[in-house]
Amino acid sequence: MRFDTLLADTDARGVVTVTLNQPDKRNALSETMIAELTAFARGPGAKARAVVLRGAGKLFCAGGDLDWMRRQIDADRATRMTEARKLAMMLNALNEMPSPLIARVHGGAFGGGVGLMAVADVVVAGAGAKFGLTETRLGLIPATIGPYVLARMGEGMARRVFHIPRIFDAPEAERLGLVARVVPEADLDAAVEAFVKPCLTAAPGAVAAAKSLARALGPVIDGGTIDDSIHRLAETWEQPEAAEGIAAFFAGRPPGWSSGG
């Protein structure tokens, strides 16, 4: 399977490394990348012994693509909901992928990038990486990623960062349950391999069944949950705060409600 925004390499063991390959755009989640990640999760990713997800360039993933955001400003409600559903279903496809998914995070992850981390089975992060859920700065909410972030962190931990748009570091991400292990960036590959190797000793069918069981025993993320997150995002886009927040962002000025900080 060929991709425009991803690189996918399979080694002799059947381990697939998929790289978000738009470093000039900080690996932001464009419409094309969302579609390709969905196709990957339902195709080669589902057949792998293990999948390693990483980003090219200076950071893992900066979140939503700015061109996509510009198009949402003038879009109608139906269009916004359609676009939100594409992101929601991409996250769902990765979350339900039967293969183990290990995220290798360097530099940083923001917004949708945190969503990608939340659907991984294991996240290994470089010690210098930064993270943030900063949607409320724009008058928006982390809606479609929300079910997965809450499932990963739990409500109590998530409320420290879910709606308070501050940047936090890798040790805090580990304490929040978002990251499994923090290592010096030079040791990232070795740390990832330490999680990959045990996957190769497990029966693939049993791995898939165990992942399915974990999801069944954890917080419910079903069609109703996904639909609710999409509707909440659509409602937020239609509020005056979103119009002001997005306009201020592209104008390079603080929004009207901001008092600095």
C-alpha atoms as a PDB file:
ATOM      1  CA  MET A   1       0.000   0.000   0.000  1.00  0.00           C
ATOM      2  CA  ARG A   2       1.438   3.368  -1.067  1.00  0.00           C
ATOM      3  CA  PHE A   3       0.934   6.588   0.873  1.00  0.00           C
ATOM      4  CA  ASP A   4       1.549  10.284   0.278  1.00  0.00           C
ATOM      5  CA  THR A   5       1.834  11.429   3.902  1.00  0.00           C
ATOM      6  CA  LEU A   6       3.105   8.253   5.563  1.00  0.00           C
ATOM      7  CA  LEU A   7       6.061   5.918   5.261  1.00  0.00           C
ATOM      8  CA  ALA A   8       5.388   2.274   6.123  1.00  0.00           C
ATOM      9  CA  ASP A   9       8.241  -0.221   6.389  1.00  0.00           C
ATOM     10  CA  THR A  10       7.920  -3.890   7.362  1.00  0.00           C
ATOM     11  CA  ASP A  11      10.913  -5.741   8.752  1.00  0.00           C
ATOM     12  CA  ALA A  12      11.656  -9.457   8.495  1.00  0.00           C
ATOM     13  CA  ARG A  13       9.815 -10.101  11.776  1.00  0.00           C
ATOM     14  CA  GLY A  14       6.552  -8.617  10.518  1.00  0.00           C
ATOM     15  CA  VAL A  15       6.922  -5.433  12.597  1.00  0.00           C
ATOM     16  CA  VAL A  16       5.649  -2.371  10.720  1.00  0.00           C
ATOM     17  CA  THR A  17       7.065   1.073  11.378  1.00  0.00           C
ATOM     18  CA  VAL A  18       4.697   3.765  10.135  1.00  0.00           C
ATOM     19  CA  THR A  19       6.052   7.302  10.053  1.00  0.00           C
ATOM     20  CA  LEU A  20       4.023  10.498   9.875  1.00  0.00           C
ATOM     21  CA  ASN A  21       6.009  11.983   7.009  1.00  0.00           C
ATOM     22  CA  GLN A  22       5.068  15.650   6.699  1.00  0.00           C
ATOM     23  CA  PRO A  23       7.923  17.261   8.651  1.00  0.00           C
ATOM     24  CA  ASP A  24       7.505  20.618   6.879  1.00  0.00           C
ATOM     25  CA  LYS A  25       3.976  20.759   8.367  1.00  0.00           C
ATOM     26  CA  ARG A  26       5.076  19.371  11.744  1.00  0.00           C
ATOM     27  CA  ASN A  27       3.211  16.168  10.868  1.00  0.00           C
ATOM     28  CA  ALA A  28      -0.129  17.916  11.312  1.00  0.00           C
ATOM     29  CA  LEU A  29      -3.194  15.769  10.706  1.00  0.00           C
ATOM     30  CA  SER A  30      -4.418  16.754   7.260  1.00  0.00           C
ATOM     31  CA  GLU A  31      -7.414  15.221   5.515  1.00  0.00           C
ATOM     32  CA  THR A  32      -5.051  13.059   3.466  1.00  0.00           C
ATOM     33  CA  MET A  33      -3.071  11.861   6.477  1.00  0.00           C
ATOM     34  CA  ILE A  34      -6.277  11.033   8.354  1.00  0.00           C
ATOM     35  CA  ALA A  35      -7.519   8.959   5.410  1.00  0.00           C
ATOM     36  CA  GLU A  36      -4.172   7.197   5.043  1.00  0.00           C
ATOM     37  CA  LEU A  37      -3.888   6.369   8.736  1.00  0.00           C
ATOM     38  CA  THR A  38      -7.394   4.906   8.590  1.00  0.00           C
ATOM     39  CA  ALA A  39      -6.481   2.791   5.576  1.00  0.00           C
ATOM     40  CA  PHE A  40      -3.252   1.690   7.238  1.00  0.00           C
ATOM     41  CA  ALA A  41      -5.023   0.624  10.438  1.00  0.00           C
ATOM     42  CA  ARG A  42      -7.571  -1.421   8.510  1.00  0.00           C
ATOM     43  CA  GLY A  43      -4.987  -2.884   6.103  1.00  0.00           C
ATOM     44  CA  PRO A  44      -1.284  -3.573   6.765  1.00  0.00           C
ATOM     45  CA  GLY A  45      -1.477  -2.433  10.383  1.00  0.00           C
ATOM     46  CA  ALA A  46      -4.094  -5.056  11.192  1.00  0.00           C
ATOM     47  CA  LYS A  47      -1.833  -7.831   9.869  1.00  0.00           C
ATOM     48  CA  ALA A  48       1.398  -6.789  11.591  1.00  0.00           C
ATOM     49  CA  ARG A  49       3.001  -8.566  14.535  1.00  0.00           C
ATOM     50  CA  ALA A  50       3.444  -5.098  16.024  1.00  0.00           C
ATOM     51  CA  VAL A  51       3.192  -1.508  14.784  1.00  0.00           C
ATOM     52  CA  VAL A  52       5.525   1.339  15.720  1.00  0.00           C
ATOM     53  CA  LEU A  53       4.100   4.822  15.083  1.00  0.00           C
ATOM     54  CA  ARG A  54       6.560   7.699  14.863  1.00  0.00           C
ATOM     55  CA  GLY A  55       6.975  11.145  13.317  1.00  0.00           C
ATOM     56  CA  ALA A  56       9.557  12.522  10.891  1.00  0.00           C
ATOM     57  CA  GLY A  57      11.371  15.768  11.600  1.00  0.00           C
ATOM     58  CA  LYS A  58      11.434  17.747  14.817  1.00  0.00           C
ATOM     59  CA  LEU A  59       8.325  16.426  16.554  1.00  0.00           C
ATOM     60  CA  PHE A  60       5.775  13.639  16.580  1.00  0.00           C
ATOM     61  CA  CYS A  61       2.568  15.505  15.656  1.00  0.00           C
ATOM     62  CA  ALA A  62       1.485  19.144  15.986  1.00  0.00           C
ATOM     63  CA  GLY A  63      -2.252  18.375  15.908  1.00  0.00           C
ATOM     64  CA  GLY A  64      -4.731  19.570  13.309  1.00  0.00           C
ATOM     65  CA  ASP A  65      -3.617  20.879   9.928  1.00  0.00           C
ATOM     66  CA  LEU A  66      -3.973  24.667   9.532  1.00  0.00           C
ATOM     67  CA  ASP A  67      -5.371  24.429   5.989  1.00  0.00           C
ATOM     68  CA  TRP A  68      -8.052  22.063   7.291  1.00  0.00           C
ATOM     69  CA  MET A  69      -8.855  24.534  10.061  1.00  0.00           C
ATOM     70  CA  ARG A  70      -9.213  27.406   7.592  1.00  0.00           C
ATOM     71  CA  ARG A  71     -11.723  25.401   5.580  1.00  0.00           C
ATOM     72  CA  GLN A  72     -13.813  24.769   8.680  1.00  0.00           C
ATOM     73  CA  ILE A  73     -14.275  28.486   9.336  1.00  0.00           C
ATOM     74  CA  ASP A  74     -16.691  28.944   6.444  1.00  0.00           C
ATOM     75  CA  ALA A  75     -18.055  25.391   6.312  1.00  0.00           C
ATOM     76  CA  ASP A  76     -21.626  24.551   7.232  1.00  0.00           C
ATOM     77  CA  ARG A  77     -22.555  22.291  10.142  1.00  0.00           C
ATOM     78  CA  ALA A  78     -22.954  19.175   7.999  1.00  0.00           C
ATOM     79  CA  THR A  79     -19.504  19.623   6.458  1.00  0.00           C
ATOM     80  CA  ARG A  80     -17.880  20.193   9.841  1.00  0.00           C
ATOM     81  CA  MET A  81     -19.506  17.060  11.204  1.00  0.00           C
ATOM     82  CA  THR A  82     -18.364  15.050   8.194  1.00  0.00           C
ATOM     83  CA  GLU A  83     -14.770  16.205   8.659  1.00  0.00           C
ATOM     84  CA  ALA A  84     -14.881  15.552  12.396  1.00  0.00           C
ATOM     85  CA  ARG A  85     -16.192  12.051  11.759  1.00  0.00           C
ATOM     86  CA  LYS A  86     -13.192  11.286   9.525  1.00  0.00           C
ATOM     87  CA  LEU A  87     -10.844  12.074  12.403  1.00  0.00           C
ATOM     88  CA  ALA A  88     -13.029  10.176  14.871  1.00  0.00           C
ATOM     89  CA  MET A  89     -13.095   7.069  12.711  1.00  0.00           C
ATOM     90  CA  MET A  90      -9.347   7.202  12.130  1.00  0.00           C
ATOM     91  CA  LEU A  91      -8.794   7.178  15.894  1.00  0.00           C
ATOM     92  CA  ASN A  92     -11.345   4.386  16.227  1.00  0.00           C
ATOM     93  CA  ALA A  93      -9.605   2.300  13.545  1.00  0.00           C
ATOM     94  CA  LEU A  94      -6.243   2.647  15.301  1.00  0.00           C
ATOM     95  CA  ASN A  95      -7.818   1.973  18.683  1.00  0.00           C
ATOM     96  CA  GLU A  96      -9.436  -1.248  17.442  1.00  0.00           C
ATOM     97  CA  MET A  97      -6.444  -2.423  15.383  1.00  0.00           C
ATOM     98  CA  PRO A  98      -5.722  -5.992  16.552  1.00  0.00           C
ATOM     99  CA  SER A  99      -1.949  -5.559  16.429  1.00  0.00           C
ATOM    100  CA  PRO A 100       0.002  -4.012  19.320  1.00  0.00           C
ATOM    101  CA  LEU A 101       0.532  -0.293  18.663  1.00  0.00           C
ATOM    102  CA  ILE A 102       3.607   1.365  20.171  1.00  0.00           C
ATOM    103  CA  ALA A 103       4.022   5.132  19.762  1.00  0.00           C
ATOM    104  CA  ARG A 104       7.543   6.556  19.647  1.00  0.00           C
ATOM    105  CA  VAL A 105       7.178  10.230  20.560  1.00  0.00           C
ATOM    106  CA  HIS A 106       9.888  12.839  20.245  1.00  0.00           C
ATOM    107  CA  GLY A 107       9.797  16.616  20.264  1.00  0.00           C
ATOM    108  CA  GLY A 108       6.156  17.018  21.124  1.00  0.00           C
ATOM    109  CA  ALA A 109       2.535  16.143  20.531  1.00  0.00           C
ATOM    110  CA  PHE A 110      -0.402  18.524  20.662  1.00  0.00           C
ATOM    111  CA  GLY A 111      -4.154  18.213  20.179  1.00  0.00           C
ATOM    112  CA  GLY A 112      -4.753  15.385  17.729  1.00  0.00           C
ATOM    113  CA  GLY A 113      -1.190  14.197  18.340  1.00  0.00           C
ATOM    114  CA  VAL A 114      -2.163  13.505  21.938  1.00  0.00           C
ATOM    115  CA  GLY A 115      -5.159  11.634  20.529  1.00  0.00           C
ATOM    116  CA  LEU A 116      -2.802   9.391  18.568  1.00  0.00           C
ATOM    117  CA  MET A 117      -0.876   8.682  21.748  1.00  0.00           C
ATOM    118  CA  ALA A 118      -4.092   7.844  23.584  1.00  0.00           C
ATOM    119  CA  VAL A 119      -5.041   5.093  21.123  1.00  0.00           C
ATOM    120  CA  ALA A 120      -1.607   3.463  21.305  1.00  0.00           C
ATOM    121  CA  ASP A 121      -1.102   0.479  23.589  1.00  0.00           C
ATOM    122  CA  VAL A 122       2.267   1.815  24.733  1.00  0.00           C
ATOM    123  CA  VAL A 123       3.816   5.276  24.426  1.00  0.00           C
ATOM    124  CA  VAL A 124       7.554   5.807  24.786  1.00  0.00           C
ATOM    125  CA  ALA A 125       8.558   9.483  24.903  1.00  0.00           C
ATOM    126  CA  GLY A 126      11.797  11.386  24.697  1.00  0.00           C
ATOM    127  CA  ALA A 127      12.682  13.230  27.892  1.00  0.00           C
ATOM    128  CA  GLY A 128      12.509  16.623  26.186  1.00  0.00           C
ATOM    129  CA  ALA A 129       9.082  16.156  24.578  1.00  0.00           C
ATOM    130  CA  LYS A 130       6.275  18.626  25.305  1.00  0.00           C
ATOM    131  CA  PHE A 131       2.539  18.030  25.219  1.00  0.00           C
ATOM    132  CA  GLY A 132      -0.640  20.046  25.257  1.00  0.00           C
ATOM    133  CA  LEU A 133      -4.393  20.003  24.734  1.00  0.00           C
ATOM    134  CA  THR A 134      -4.769  23.650  23.770  1.00  0.00           C
ATOM    135  CA  GLU A 135      -8.081  23.643  21.901  1.00  0.00           C
ATOM    136  CA  THR A 136      -9.792  25.897  24.459  1.00  0.00           C
ATOM    137  CA  ARG A 137      -7.363  28.685  23.541  1.00  0.00           C
ATOM    138  CA  LEU A 138      -9.158  28.714  20.190  1.00  0.00           C
ATOM    139  CA  GLY A 139     -12.631  28.565  21.688  1.00  0.00           C
ATOM    140  CA  LEU A 140     -12.862  24.873  20.740  1.00  0.00           C
ATOM    141  CA  ILE A 141     -12.837  21.576  22.659  1.00  0.00           C
ATOM    142  CA  PRO A 142     -10.810  18.341  22.317  1.00  0.00           C
ATOM    143  CA  ALA A 143     -13.956  16.508  21.280  1.00  0.00           C
ATOM    144  CA  THR A 144     -13.183  13.636  18.925  1.00  0.00           C
ATOM    145  CA  ILE A 145     -10.009  12.707  20.780  1.00  0.00           C
ATOM    146  CA  GLY A 146     -11.798  13.083  24.107  1.00  0.00           C
ATOM    147  CA  PRO A 147     -13.096   9.513  24.585  1.00  0.00           C
ATOM    148  CA  TYR A 148      -9.608   8.081  24.083  1.00  0.00           C
ATOM    149  CA  VAL A 149      -7.819  10.673  26.220  1.00  0.00           C
ATOM    150  CA  LEU A 150     -10.274  10.095  29.083  1.00  0.00           C
ATOM    151  CA  ALA A 151      -9.986   6.325  28.689  1.00  0.00           C
ATOM    152  CA  ARG A 152      -6.207   6.581  28.919  1.00  0.00           C
ATOM    153  CA  MET A 153      -5.858   9.087  31.743  1.00  0.00           C
ATOM    154  CA  GLY A 154      -9.063   8.669  33.704  1.00  0.00           C
ATOM    155  CA  GLU A 155     -11.252  11.656  34.482  1.00  0.00           C
ATOM    156  CA  GLY A 156      -9.295  12.876  37.485  1.00  0.00           C
ATOM    157  CA  MET A 157      -5.959  12.998  35.678  1.00  0.00           C
ATOM    158  CA  ALA A 158      -7.458  14.309  32.441  1.00  0.00           C
ATOM    159  CA  ARG A 159      -9.052  17.273  34.198  1.00  0.00           C
ATOM    160  CA  ARG A 160      -5.570  18.584  34.942  1.00  0.00           C
ATOM    161  CA  VAL A 161      -4.878  19.157  31.244  1.00  0.00           C
ATOM    162  CA  PHE A 162      -8.043  18.484  29.194  1.00  0.00           C
ATOM    163  CA  HIS A 163      -9.561  21.952  29.372  1.00  0.00           C
ATOM    164  CA  ILE A 164      -6.665  23.896  30.933  1.00  0.00           C
ATOM    165  CA  PRO A 165      -4.527  24.708  27.870  1.00  0.00           C
ATOM    166  CA  ARG A 166      -1.068  24.466  29.345  1.00  0.00           C
ATOM    167  CA  ILE A 167       2.013  22.770  27.987  1.00  0.00           C
ATOM    168  CA  PHE A 168       3.303  19.900  30.102  1.00  0.00           C
ATOM    169  CA  ASP A 169       6.488  17.869  29.949  1.00  0.00           C
ATOM    170  CA  ALA A 170       7.248  14.195  29.505  1.00  0.00           C
ATOM    171  CA  PRO A 171       7.594  13.315  33.205  1.00  0.00           C
ATOM    172  CA  GLU A 172       4.151  14.805  33.857  1.00  0.00           C
ATOM    173  CA  ALA A 173       2.742  12.941  30.841  1.00  0.00           C
ATOM    174  CA  GLU A 174       4.072   9.760  32.447  1.00  0.00           C
ATOM    175  CA  ARG A 175       2.412  10.602  35.767  1.00  0.00           C
ATOM    176  CA  LEU A 176      -0.851  11.301  33.943  1.00  0.00           C
ATOM    177  CA  GLY A 177      -0.752   7.825  32.405  1.00  0.00           C
ATOM    178  CA  LEU A 178      -0.379   9.116  28.864  1.00  0.00           C
ATOM    179  CA  VAL A 179       3.217   7.879  28.540  1.00  0.00           C
ATOM    180  CA  ALA A 180       4.493   4.479  29.660  1.00  0.00           C
ATOM    181  CA  ARG A 181       8.191   5.300  29.721  1.00  0.00           C
ATOM    182  CA  VAL A 182      10.356   8.415  29.397  1.00  0.00           C
ATOM    183  CA  VAL A 183      13.915   8.018  28.149  1.00  0.00           C
ATOM    184  CA  PRO A 184      16.653  10.232  26.694  1.00  0.00           C
ATOM    185  CA  GLU A 185      15.889  10.809  23.044  1.00  0.00           C
ATOM    186  CA  ALA A 186      19.019   8.901  22.034  1.00  0.00           C
ATOM    187  CA  ASP A 187      17.543   5.825  23.730  1.00  0.00           C
ATOM    188  CA  LEU A 188      14.093   5.973  22.130  1.00  0.00           C
ATOM    189  CA  ASP A 189      14.664   3.233  19.573  1.00  0.00           C
ATOM    190  CA  ALA A 190      16.061   0.831  22.163  1.00  0.00           C
ATOM    191  CA  ALA A 191      13.159   1.557  24.519  1.00  0.00           C
ATOM    192  CA  VAL A 192      10.641   0.930  21.745  1.00  0.00           C
ATOM    193  CA  GLU A 193      12.356  -2.329  20.821  1.00  0.00           C
ATOM    194  CA  ALA A 194      12.082  -3.462  24.450  1.00  0.00           C
ATOM    195  CA  PHE A 195       8.292  -3.320  24.049  1.00  0.00           C
ATOM    196  CA  VAL A 196       8.285  -4.795  20.528  1.00  0.00           C
ATOM    197  CA  LYS A 197      10.253  -7.965  21.377  1.00  0.00           C
ATOM    198  CA  PRO A 198       7.701  -9.464  23.806  1.00  0.00           C
ATOM    199  CA  CYS A 199       4.983  -8.952  21.184  1.00  0.00           C
ATOM    200  CA  LEU A 200       6.812 -11.395  18.933  1.00  0.00           C
ATOM    201  CA  THR A 201       6.506 -14.162  21.520  1.00  0.00           C
ATOM    202  CA  ALA A 202       2.703 -13.852  21.707  1.00  0.00           C
ATOM    203  CA  ALA A 203       0.128 -15.637  19.551  1.00  0.00           C
ATOM    204  CA  PRO A 204      -1.366 -13.001  17.207  1.00  0.00           C
ATOM    205  CA  GLY A 205      -4.914 -14.248  17.675  1.00  0.00           C
ATOM    206  CA  ALA A 206      -4.559 -14.165  21.447  1.00  0.00           C
ATOM    207  CA  VAL A 207      -3.160 -10.625  21.278  1.00  0.00           C
ATOM    208  CA  ALA A 208      -6.157  -9.470  19.254  1.00  0.00           C
ATOM    209  CA  ALA A 209      -8.575 -11.185  21.639  1.00  0.00           C
ATOM    210  CA  ALA A 210      -6.858  -9.731  24.701  1.00  0.00           C
ATOM    211  CA  LYS A 211      -6.952  -6.204  23.241  1.00  0.00           C
ATOM    212  CA  SER A 212     -10.638  -6.628  22.482  1.00  0.00           C
ATOM    213  CA  LEU A 213     -11.235  -7.794  26.055  1.00  0.00           C
ATOM    214  CA  ALA A 214      -9.396  -4.788  27.474  1.00  0.00           C
ATOM    215  CA  ARG A 215     -11.574  -2.436  25.445  1.00  0.00           C
ATOM    216  CA  ALA A 216     -14.718  -4.284  26.528  1.00  0.00           C
ATOM    217  CA  LEU A 217     -13.757  -4.030  30.199  1.00  0.00           C
ATOM    218  CA  GLY A 218     -12.695  -0.389  29.955  1.00  0.00           C
ATOM    219  CA  PRO A 219     -14.709   2.774  29.300  1.00  0.00           C
ATOM    220  CA  VAL A 220     -17.293   2.333  26.553  1.00  0.00           C
ATOM    221  CA  ILE A 221     -16.304   3.968  23.261  1.00  0.00           C
ATOM    222  CA  ASP A 222     -19.034   2.996  20.824  1.00  0.00           C
ATOM    223  CA  GLY A 223     -20.962   4.643  18.014  1.00  0.00           C
ATOM    224  CA  GLY A 224     -23.021   6.653  20.466  1.00  0.00           C
ATOM    225  CA  THR A 225     -19.914   7.983  22.209  1.00  0.00           C
ATOM    226  CA  ILE A 226     -18.346   8.957  18.906  1.00  0.00           C
ATOM    227  CA  ASP A 227     -21.532  10.626  17.647  1.00  0.00           C
ATOM    228  CA  ASP A 228     -21.818  12.616  20.863  1.00  0.00           C
ATOM    229  CA  SER A 229     -18.251  13.910  20.553  1.00  0.00           C
ATOM    230  CA  ILE A 230     -18.892  14.991  16.950  1.00  0.00           C
ATOM    231  CA  HIS A 231     -22.109  16.813  17.857  1.00  0.00           C
ATOM    232  CA  ARG A 232     -20.403  18.579  20.751  1.00  0.00           C
ATOM    233  CA  LEU A 233     -17.617  19.762  18.459  1.00  0.00           C
ATOM    234  CA  ALA A 234     -20.114  21.013  15.878  1.00  0.00           C
ATOM    235  CA  GLU A 235     -21.963  22.950  18.576  1.00  0.00           C
ATOM    236  CA  THR A 236     -18.727  24.528  19.764  1.00  0.00           C
ATOM    237  CA  TRP A 237     -17.703  25.571  16.245  1.00  0.00           C
ATOM    238  CA  GLU A 238     -20.964  27.531  15.959  1.00  0.00           C
ATOM    239  CA  GLN A 239     -20.364  29.617  19.088  1.00  0.00           C
ATOM    240  CA  PRO A 240     -18.966  33.190  18.964  1.00  0.00           C
ATOM    241  CA  GLU A 241     -15.933  32.107  20.983  1.00  0.00           C
ATOM    242  CA  ALA A 242     -14.793  29.771  18.211  1.00  0.00           C
ATOM    243  CA  ALA A 243     -15.122  32.492  15.578  1.00  0.00           C
ATOM    244  CA  GLU A 244     -13.099  34.887  17.734  1.00  0.00           C
ATOM    245  CA  GLY A 245     -10.506  32.283  18.722  1.00  0.00           C
ATOM    246  CA  ILE A 246      -9.824  31.108  15.188  1.00  0.00           C
ATOM    247  CA  ALA A 247      -9.763  34.674  13.807  1.00  0.00           C
ATOM    248  CA  ALA A 248      -7.328  35.742  16.513  1.00  0.00           C
ATOM    249  CA  PHE A 249      -5.092  32.733  15.871  1.00  0.00           C
ATOM    250  CA  PHE A 250      -4.710  33.453  12.168  1.00  0.00           C
ATOM    251  CA  ALA A 251      -4.303  37.188  12.816  1.00  0.00           C
ATOM    252  CA  GLY A 252      -1.518  36.493  15.303  1.00  0.00           C
ATOM    253  CA  ARG A 253      -3.254  38.323  18.172  1.00  0.00           C
ATOM    254  CA  PRO A 254      -4.689  37.240  21.524  1.00  0.00           C
ATOM    255  CA  PRO A 255      -8.441  36.487  21.521  1.00  0.00           C
ATOM    256  CA  GLY A 256     -10.697  38.920  23.316  1.00  0.00           C
ATOM    257  CA  TRP A 257     -11.002  36.802  26.450  1.00  0.00           C
ATOM    258  CA  SER A 258      -7.244  36.299  26.938  1.00  0.00           C
ATOM    259  CA  SER A 259      -5.440  38.176  29.691  1.00  0.00           C
ATOM    260  CA  GLY A 260      -2.048  36.662  28.885  1.00  0.00           C
ATOM    261  CA  GLY A 261      -0.230  33.910  30.707  1.00  0.00           C
END
